[in-house]
PDB file of all heavy atoms in Angstrom:
ATOM      1  N   GLY A   1      -3.563 -26.033  -5.500  1.00  0.00           N
ATOM      2  CA  GLY A   1      -2.178 -26.343  -5.278  1.00  0.00           C
ATOM      3  C   GLY A   1      -1.136 -25.512  -5.922  1.00  0.00           C
ATOM      4  O   GLY A   1       0.056 -25.689  -5.716  1.00  0.00           O
ATOM      5  N   VAL A   2      -1.532 -24.533  -6.714  1.00  0.00           N
ATOM      6  CA  VAL A   2      -0.576 -23.634  -7.430  1.00  0.00           C
ATOM      7  C   VAL A   2      -0.177 -22.502  -6.488  1.00  0.00           C
ATOM      8  O   VAL A   2      -1.065 -21.765  -6.028  1.00  0.00           O
ATOM      9  CB  VAL A   2      -1.217 -23.086  -8.687  1.00  0.00           C
ATOM     10  CG1 VAL A   2      -0.199 -22.112  -9.373  1.00  0.00           C
ATOM     11  CG2 VAL A   2      -1.624 -24.178  -9.611  1.00  0.00           C
ATOM     12  N   PRO A   3       1.148 -22.338  -6.170  1.00  0.00           N
ATOM     13  CA  PRO A   3       1.594 -21.196  -5.328  1.00  0.00           C
ATOM     14  C   PRO A   3       1.185 -19.896  -5.960  1.00  0.00           C
ATOM     15  O   PRO A   3       1.279 -19.717  -7.195  1.00  0.00           O
ATOM     16  CB  PRO A   3       3.066 -21.430  -5.227  1.00  0.00           C
ATOM     17  CG  PRO A   3       3.309 -22.923  -5.490  1.00  0.00           C
ATOM     18  CD  PRO A   3       2.285 -23.267  -6.477  1.00  0.00           C
ATOM     19  N   VAL A   4       0.732 -18.975  -5.160  1.00  0.00           N
ATOM     20  CA  VAL A   4       0.322 -17.631  -5.653  1.00  0.00           C
ATOM     21  C   VAL A   4       1.131 -16.541  -4.935  1.00  0.00           C
ATOM     22  O   VAL A   4       1.581 -16.705  -3.847  1.00  0.00           O
ATOM     23  CB  VAL A   4      -1.200 -17.483  -5.371  1.00  0.00           C
ATOM     24  CG1 VAL A   4      -2.023 -18.504  -6.122  1.00  0.00           C
ATOM     25  CG2 VAL A   4      -1.537 -17.482  -3.909  1.00  0.00           C
ATOM     26  N   LEU A   5       1.214 -15.439  -5.675  1.00  0.00           N
ATOM     27  CA  LEU A   5       1.807 -14.210  -5.135  1.00  0.00           C
ATOM     28  C   LEU A   5       0.826 -13.085  -5.361  1.00  0.00           C
ATOM     29  O   LEU A   5       0.485 -12.786  -6.491  1.00  0.00           O
ATOM     30  CB  LEU A   5       3.139 -13.892  -5.824  1.00  0.00           C
ATOM     31  CG  LEU A   5       3.862 -12.597  -5.382  1.00  0.00           C
ATOM     32  CD1 LEU A   5       4.195 -12.654  -3.895  1.00  0.00           C
ATOM     33  CD2 LEU A   5       5.125 -12.348  -6.196  1.00  0.00           C
ATOM     34  N   TYR A   6       0.329 -12.491  -4.274  1.00  0.00           N
ATOM     35  CA  TYR A   6      -0.625 -11.441  -4.334  1.00  0.00           C
ATOM     36  C   TYR A   6      -0.070 -10.216  -3.637  1.00  0.00           C
ATOM     37  O   TYR A   6      -0.102 -10.143  -2.392  1.00  0.00           O
ATOM     38  CB  TYR A   6      -1.960 -11.880  -3.692  1.00  0.00           C
ATOM     39  CG  TYR A   6      -3.123 -10.969  -3.941  1.00  0.00           C
ATOM     40  CD1 TYR A   6      -3.075  -9.844  -4.732  1.00  0.00           C
ATOM     41  CD2 TYR A   6      -4.397 -11.339  -3.413  1.00  0.00           C
ATOM     42  CE1 TYR A   6      -4.199  -9.062  -4.942  1.00  0.00           C
ATOM     43  CE2 TYR A   6      -5.513 -10.511  -3.598  1.00  0.00           C
ATOM     44  CZ  TYR A   6      -5.384  -9.383  -4.385  1.00  0.00           C
ATOM     45  OH  TYR A   6      -6.500  -8.622  -4.576  1.00  0.00           O
ATOM     46  N   ALA A   7       0.448  -9.274  -4.394  1.00  0.00           N
ATOM     47  CA  ALA A   7       1.130  -8.116  -3.831  1.00  0.00           C
ATOM     48  C   ALA A   7       0.194  -6.890  -3.906  1.00  0.00           C
ATOM     49  O   ALA A   7      -0.624  -6.742  -4.816  1.00  0.00           O
ATOM     50  CB  ALA A   7       2.437  -7.851  -4.561  1.00  0.00           C
ATOM     51  N   ARG A   8       0.380  -5.999  -2.996  1.00  0.00           N
ATOM     52  CA  ARG A   8      -0.377  -4.722  -2.971  1.00  0.00           C
ATOM     53  C   ARG A   8       0.695  -3.611  -2.810  1.00  0.00           C
ATOM     54  O   ARG A   8       1.663  -3.695  -2.054  1.00  0.00           O
ATOM     55  CB  ARG A   8      -1.358  -4.670  -1.776  1.00  0.00           C
ATOM     56  CG  ARG A   8      -2.151  -3.320  -1.764  1.00  0.00           C
ATOM     57  CD  ARG A   8      -2.939  -3.230  -0.483  1.00  0.00           C
ATOM     58  NE  ARG A   8      -2.069  -3.074   0.691  1.00  0.00           N
ATOM     59  CZ  ARG A   8      -2.530  -3.026   1.924  1.00  0.00           C
ATOM     60  NH1 ARG A   8      -3.801  -3.163   2.184  1.00  0.00           N
ATOM     61  NH2 ARG A   8      -1.636  -2.890   2.946  1.00  0.00           N
ATOM     62  N   SER A   9       0.476  -2.551  -3.537  1.00  0.00           N
ATOM     63  CA  SER A   9       1.393  -1.382  -3.408  1.00  0.00           C
ATOM     64  C   SER A   9       1.607  -1.002  -1.996  1.00  0.00           C
ATOM     65  O   SER A   9       0.629  -0.917  -1.184  1.00  0.00           O
ATOM     66  CB  SER A   9       0.807  -0.184  -4.194  1.00  0.00           C
ATOM     67  OG  SER A   9       0.725  -0.475  -5.563  1.00  0.00           O
ATOM     68  N   GLY A  10       2.849  -0.734  -1.597  1.00  0.00           N
ATOM     69  CA  GLY A  10       3.166  -0.437  -0.204  1.00  0.00           C
ATOM     70  C   GLY A  10       2.645   0.890   0.230  1.00  0.00           C
ATOM     71  O   GLY A  10       2.387   1.836  -0.556  1.00  0.00           O
ATOM     72  N   LEU A  11       2.541   1.089   1.548  1.00  0.00           N
ATOM     73  CA  LEU A  11       2.030   2.303   2.086  1.00  0.00           C
ATOM     74  C   LEU A  11       3.119   3.257   2.641  1.00  0.00           C
ATOM     75  O   LEU A  11       2.860   4.379   2.997  1.00  0.00           O
ATOM     76  CB  LEU A  11       1.040   1.986   3.245  1.00  0.00           C
ATOM     77  CG  LEU A  11      -0.111   1.050   2.835  1.00  0.00           C
ATOM     78  CD1 LEU A  11      -1.053   0.870   4.010  1.00  0.00           C
ATOM     79  CD2 LEU A  11      -0.880   1.621   1.671  1.00  0.00           C
ATOM     80  N   ASP A  12       4.355   2.791   2.715  1.00  0.00           N
ATOM     81  CA  ASP A  12       5.443   3.624   3.222  1.00  0.00           C
ATOM     82  C   ASP A  12       5.970   4.458   2.082  1.00  0.00           C
ATOM     83  O   ASP A  12       6.963   4.096   1.437  1.00  0.00           O
ATOM     84  CB  ASP A  12       6.560   2.732   3.870  1.00  0.00           C
ATOM     85  CG  ASP A  12       7.655   3.581   4.478  1.00  0.00           C
ATOM     86  OD1 ASP A  12       7.484   4.795   4.638  1.00  0.00           O
ATOM     87  OD2 ASP A  12       8.696   2.952   4.847  1.00  0.00           O
ATOM     88  N   LEU A  13       5.287   5.580   1.811  1.00  0.00           N
ATOM     89  CA  LEU A  13       5.649   6.364   0.634  1.00  0.00           C
ATOM     90  C   LEU A  13       6.996   7.109   0.825  1.00  0.00           C
ATOM     91  O   LEU A  13       7.310   7.557   1.930  1.00  0.00           O
ATOM     92  CB  LEU A  13       4.526   7.392   0.358  1.00  0.00           C
ATOM     93  CG  LEU A  13       3.131   6.800   0.105  1.00  0.00           C
ATOM     94  CD1 LEU A  13       2.127   7.922  -0.283  1.00  0.00           C
ATOM     95  CD2 LEU A  13       3.184   5.782  -1.033  1.00  0.00           C
ATOM     96  N   ARG A  14       7.695   7.235  -0.239  1.00  0.00           N
ATOM     97  CA  ARG A  14       8.923   8.015  -0.180  1.00  0.00           C
ATOM     98  C   ARG A  14       8.658   9.498   0.109  1.00  0.00           C
ATOM     99  O   ARG A  14       9.531  10.184   0.690  1.00  0.00           O
ATOM    100  CB  ARG A  14       9.658   7.897  -1.521  1.00  0.00           C
ATOM    101  CG  ARG A  14      10.225   6.492  -1.775  1.00  0.00           C
ATOM    102  CD  ARG A  14      10.890   6.400  -3.097  1.00  0.00           C
ATOM    103  NE  ARG A  14      11.343   4.994  -3.345  1.00  0.00           N
ATOM    104  CZ  ARG A  14      11.679   4.528  -4.501  1.00  0.00           C
ATOM    105  NH1 ARG A  14      11.614   5.324  -5.569  1.00  0.00           N
ATOM    106  NH2 ARG A  14      12.049   3.270  -4.633  1.00  0.00           N
ATOM    107  N   ASP A  15       7.460   9.914  -0.265  1.00  0.00           N
ATOM    108  CA  ASP A  15       7.077  11.296   0.039  1.00  0.00           C
ATOM    109  C   ASP A  15       5.974  11.294   1.125  1.00  0.00           C
ATOM    110  O   ASP A  15       4.818  11.185   0.792  1.00  0.00           O
ATOM    111  CB  ASP A  15       6.578  12.032  -1.175  1.00  0.00           C
ATOM    112  CG  ASP A  15       6.200  13.491  -0.934  1.00  0.00           C
ATOM    113  OD1 ASP A  15       6.526  13.981   0.109  1.00  0.00           O
ATOM    114  OD2 ASP A  15       5.603  14.080  -1.862  1.00  0.00           O
ATOM    115  N   GLY A  16       6.391  11.335   2.382  1.00  0.00           N
ATOM    116  CA  GLY A  16       5.386  11.407   3.432  1.00  0.00           C
ATOM    117  C   GLY A  16       5.303  10.230   4.355  1.00  0.00           C
ATOM    118  O   GLY A  16       4.690  10.235   5.373  1.00  0.00           O
ATOM    119  N   GLY A  17       5.977   9.105   3.959  1.00  0.00           N
ATOM    120  CA  GLY A  17       6.063   7.959   4.838  1.00  0.00           C
ATOM    121  C   GLY A  17       4.731   7.205   4.962  1.00  0.00           C
ATOM    122  O   GLY A  17       3.809   7.338   4.129  1.00  0.00           O
ATOM    123  N   ASP A  18       4.617   6.440   6.046  1.00  0.00           N
ATOM    124  CA  ASP A  18       3.467   5.553   6.274  1.00  0.00           C
ATOM    125  C   ASP A  18       2.224   6.331   6.518  1.00  0.00           C
ATOM    126  O   ASP A  18       1.165   5.957   6.050  1.00  0.00           O
ATOM    127  CB  ASP A  18       3.795   4.610   7.465  1.00  0.00           C
ATOM    128  CG  ASP A  18       2.725   3.548   7.594  1.00  0.00           C
ATOM    129  OD1 ASP A  18       2.712   2.627   6.808  1.00  0.00           O
ATOM    130  OD2 ASP A  18       1.922   3.629   8.572  1.00  0.00           O
ATOM    131  N   ALA A  19       2.303   7.433   7.248  1.00  0.00           N
ATOM    132  CA  ALA A  19       1.090   8.254   7.500  1.00  0.00           C
ATOM    133  C   ALA A  19       0.443   8.734   6.181  1.00  0.00           C
ATOM    134  O   ALA A  19      -0.758   8.640   6.016  1.00  0.00           O
ATOM    135  CB  ALA A  19       1.427   9.382   8.459  1.00  0.00           C
ATOM    136  N   ALA A  20       1.269   9.252   5.353  1.00  0.00           N
ATOM    137  CA  ALA A  20       0.757   9.733   4.064  1.00  0.00           C
ATOM    138  C   ALA A  20       0.192   8.598   3.213  1.00  0.00           C
ATOM    139  O   ALA A  20      -0.822   8.712   2.536  1.00  0.00           O
ATOM    140  CB  ALA A  20       1.828  10.466   3.235  1.00  0.00           C
ATOM    141  N   GLY A  21       0.901   7.424   3.238  1.00  0.00           N
ATOM    142  CA  GLY A  21       0.403   6.251   2.489  1.00  0.00           C
ATOM    143  C   GLY A  21      -0.949   5.795   2.936  1.00  0.00           C
ATOM    144  O   GLY A  21      -1.800   5.476   2.117  1.00  0.00           O
ATOM    145  N   ARG A  22      -1.107   5.724   4.261  1.00  0.00           N
ATOM    146  CA  ARG A  22      -2.373   5.239   4.777  1.00  0.00           C
ATOM    147  C   ARG A  22      -3.524   6.242   4.462  1.00  0.00           C
ATOM    148  O   ARG A  22      -4.683   5.815   4.166  1.00  0.00           O
ATOM    149  CB  ARG A  22      -2.304   4.924   6.255  1.00  0.00           C
ATOM    150  CG  ARG A  22      -1.398   3.785   6.582  1.00  0.00           C
ATOM    151  CD  ARG A  22      -1.445   3.297   8.018  1.00  0.00           C
ATOM    152  NE  ARG A  22      -0.554   2.155   8.170  1.00  0.00           N
ATOM    153  CZ  ARG A  22      -0.857   0.914   7.867  1.00  0.00           C
ATOM    154  NH1 ARG A  22      -2.083   0.634   7.397  1.00  0.00           N
ATOM    155  NH2 ARG A  22       0.027  -0.089   8.031  1.00  0.00           N
ATOM    156  N   LYS A  23      -3.221   7.509   4.505  1.00  0.00           N
ATOM    157  CA  LYS A  23      -4.216   8.520   4.164  1.00  0.00           C
ATOM    158  C   LYS A  23      -4.571   8.383   2.714  1.00  0.00           C
ATOM    159  O   LYS A  23      -5.754   8.400   2.345  1.00  0.00           O
ATOM    160  CB  LYS A  23      -3.631   9.885   4.423  1.00  0.00           C
ATOM    161  CG  LYS A  23      -4.517  11.107   3.953  1.00  0.00           C
ATOM    162  CD  LYS A  23      -5.894  11.097   4.666  1.00  0.00           C
ATOM    163  CE  LYS A  23      -6.649  12.316   4.391  1.00  0.00           C
ATOM    164  NZ  LYS A  23      -6.978  12.591   2.997  1.00  0.00           N
ATOM    165  N   ARG A  24      -3.613   8.203   1.818  1.00  0.00           N
ATOM    166  CA  ARG A  24      -3.935   8.082   0.424  1.00  0.00           C
ATOM    167  C   ARG A  24      -4.655   6.800   0.134  1.00  0.00           C
ATOM    168  O   ARG A  24      -5.581   6.779  -0.743  1.00  0.00           O
ATOM    169  CB  ARG A  24      -2.638   8.197  -0.440  1.00  0.00           C
ATOM    170  CG  ARG A  24      -1.987   9.566  -0.428  1.00  0.00           C
ATOM    171  CD  ARG A  24      -0.837   9.589  -1.316  1.00  0.00           C
ATOM    172  NE  ARG A  24      -0.140  10.911  -1.274  1.00  0.00           N
ATOM    173  CZ  ARG A  24       0.928  11.246  -1.986  1.00  0.00           C
ATOM    174  NH1 ARG A  24       1.402  10.362  -2.849  1.00  0.00           N
ATOM    175  NH2 ARG A  24       1.431  12.454  -1.854  1.00  0.00           N
ATOM    176  N   TYR A  25      -4.320   5.705   0.827  1.00  0.00           N
ATOM    177  CA  TYR A  25      -5.022   4.454   0.617  1.00  0.00           C
ATOM    178  C   TYR A  25      -6.487   4.573   1.097  1.00  0.00           C
ATOM    179  O   TYR A  25      -7.368   4.032   0.427  1.00  0.00           O
ATOM    180  CB  TYR A  25      -4.291   3.323   1.326  1.00  0.00           C
ATOM    181  CG  TYR A  25      -4.825   1.955   0.971  1.00  0.00           C
ATOM    182  CD1 TYR A  25      -4.746   1.477  -0.358  1.00  0.00           C
ATOM    183  CD2 TYR A  25      -5.397   1.163   1.893  1.00  0.00           C
ATOM    184  CE1 TYR A  25      -5.217   0.260  -0.718  1.00  0.00           C
ATOM    185  CE2 TYR A  25      -5.903  -0.071   1.540  1.00  0.00           C
ATOM    186  CZ  TYR A  25      -5.800  -0.573   0.271  1.00  0.00           C
ATOM    187  OH  TYR A  25      -6.285  -1.774  -0.060  1.00  0.00           O
ATOM    188  N   ASP A  26      -6.717   5.246   2.210  1.00  0.00           N
ATOM    189  CA  ASP A  26      -8.095   5.438   2.694  1.00  0.00           C
ATOM    190  C   ASP A  26      -8.874   6.237   1.637  1.00  0.00           C
ATOM    191  O   ASP A  26     -10.035   5.960   1.403  1.00  0.00           O
ATOM    192  CB  ASP A  26      -8.083   6.179   4.017  1.00  0.00           C
ATOM    193  CG  ASP A  26      -7.593   5.293   5.178  1.00  0.00           C
ATOM    194  OD1 ASP A  26      -7.566   4.055   4.966  1.00  0.00           O
ATOM    195  OD2 ASP A  26      -7.243   5.794   6.229  1.00  0.00           O
ATOM    196  N   ASP A  27      -8.231   7.283   1.098  1.00  0.00           N
ATOM    197  CA  ASP A  27      -8.945   8.069   0.078  1.00  0.00           C
ATOM    198  C   ASP A  27      -9.231   7.214  -1.185  1.00  0.00           C
ATOM    199  O   ASP A  27     -10.270   7.345  -1.847  1.00  0.00           O
ATOM    200  CB  ASP A  27      -8.080   9.271  -0.298  1.00  0.00           C
ATOM    201  CG  ASP A  27      -8.069  10.343   0.731  1.00  0.00           C
ATOM    202  OD1 ASP A  27      -8.922  10.281   1.654  1.00  0.00           O
ATOM    203  OD2 ASP A  27      -7.198  11.265   0.663  1.00  0.00           O
ATOM    204  N   TYR A  28      -8.255   6.358  -1.531  1.00  0.00           N
ATOM    205  CA  TYR A  28      -8.455   5.447  -2.673  1.00  0.00           C
ATOM    206  C   TYR A  28      -9.684   4.551  -2.428  1.00  0.00           C
ATOM    207  O   TYR A  28     -10.482   4.379  -3.352  1.00  0.00           O
ATOM    208  CB  TYR A  28      -7.191   4.646  -2.865  1.00  0.00           C
ATOM    209  CG  TYR A  28      -7.268   3.392  -3.669  1.00  0.00           C
ATOM    210  CD1 TYR A  28      -7.262   3.457  -5.034  1.00  0.00           C
ATOM    211  CD2 TYR A  28      -7.263   2.135  -3.083  1.00  0.00           C
ATOM    212  CE1 TYR A  28      -7.379   2.306  -5.839  1.00  0.00           C
ATOM    213  CE2 TYR A  28      -7.351   1.007  -3.813  1.00  0.00           C
ATOM    214  CZ  TYR A  28      -7.349   1.065  -5.210  1.00  0.00           C
ATOM    215  OH  TYR A  28      -7.405  -0.097  -5.967  1.00  0.00           O
ATOM    216  N   LEU A  29      -9.745   3.957  -1.264  1.00  0.00           N
ATOM    217  CA  LEU A  29     -10.904   3.104  -0.907  1.00  0.00           C
ATOM    218  C   LEU A  29     -12.221   3.904  -0.909  1.00  0.00           C
ATOM    219  O   LEU A  29     -13.275   3.425  -1.329  1.00  0.00           O
ATOM    220  CB  LEU A  29     -10.695   2.418   0.397  1.00  0.00           C
ATOM    221  CG  LEU A  29      -9.579   1.382   0.465  1.00  0.00           C
ATOM    222  CD1 LEU A  29      -9.441   0.818   1.877  1.00  0.00           C
ATOM    223  CD2 LEU A  29      -9.735   0.287  -0.530  1.00  0.00           C
TER     224      LEU A  29
END
């Protein structure tokens, strides 16, 4: 019953946008 907040770093990077973020996240995984 305790409300939770589970955040993940966003993928829309200031340097390169969403495409760069998804590429970096794939490399991270």
